[in-house]
């Protein structure tokens, strides 16, 4: 049995035990939560229980996430639930504090747990993977405090294995790049606004439309610092004039390319 087959068997066994009752999955439409939802739905088909895919929709997440999540949940046979909230006010993160992720996750997952209680669903799961445990992720503490299960992290399943399994299961978003909340594009202590997060989202969607995979626009005042994968740097530079014009129209005065390239959590370097 290959290593991937072993990981797959452990995940399926975990989900078969969990699906002896109704299950609610915190669902973003990303590859981690999609893998959990897929295996939960397969197990629920055998047990006869229900699986709910709950998305907490906020303006702090990229446009189009809601439609994508609803489509993927439907592909898997889960009941999709959309909860809309005002994250900036509700979570008290308007000044982008260092513990923003903790406050945010506490707020969002408390809302999910309320929904689970209303529907009498005993098990709530979410998609933290083993790699996330090695990074600055204060939101994980909130998840644990609320008693939310994290199967991928509990089983030691890393992001690479998640993508390989998602592809094996035929999950349509298996190659989708990670799309964390837009607040991660701003330095801690910076006043957050939906207006500027929307500008960042528009700029990143434009860059992805040029064929770039991982894209981040980090905002430092009126400076846009662009991060892309190393293999996309030549492409970025070759269209520099066009890109500068587009981002200046969004309100940036200066447009720069980060020579280190894409790094998940690059705003956290002084905190780790």
Foldseek 3Di string as FASTA:
>chain_A
DDPLVVLVVVLLVVLLVLLLFEEEEAFQLALQSLLNLLSNLVSVVVNVYAYEYEYEDELQFFPPRVVNRVVLCVVRPHHYHYHYDHQCVQLVCQQQAPLSLQSSLLRVVVVVVVVCVVVVGDAYEYGDACVNVVDPRSNVVSCVVVPHHHVRNVSRNDLVSSLVVCVVSVRPNSPADDTDTLSLLEARRHRDDSLVSNLQSVLQVVVVVLVFHDWGFRDDPLETEIAGDPVCPVVCVVCVVVSVVSSVVSPHPYYHYDPVHDDVSPSCVVPD
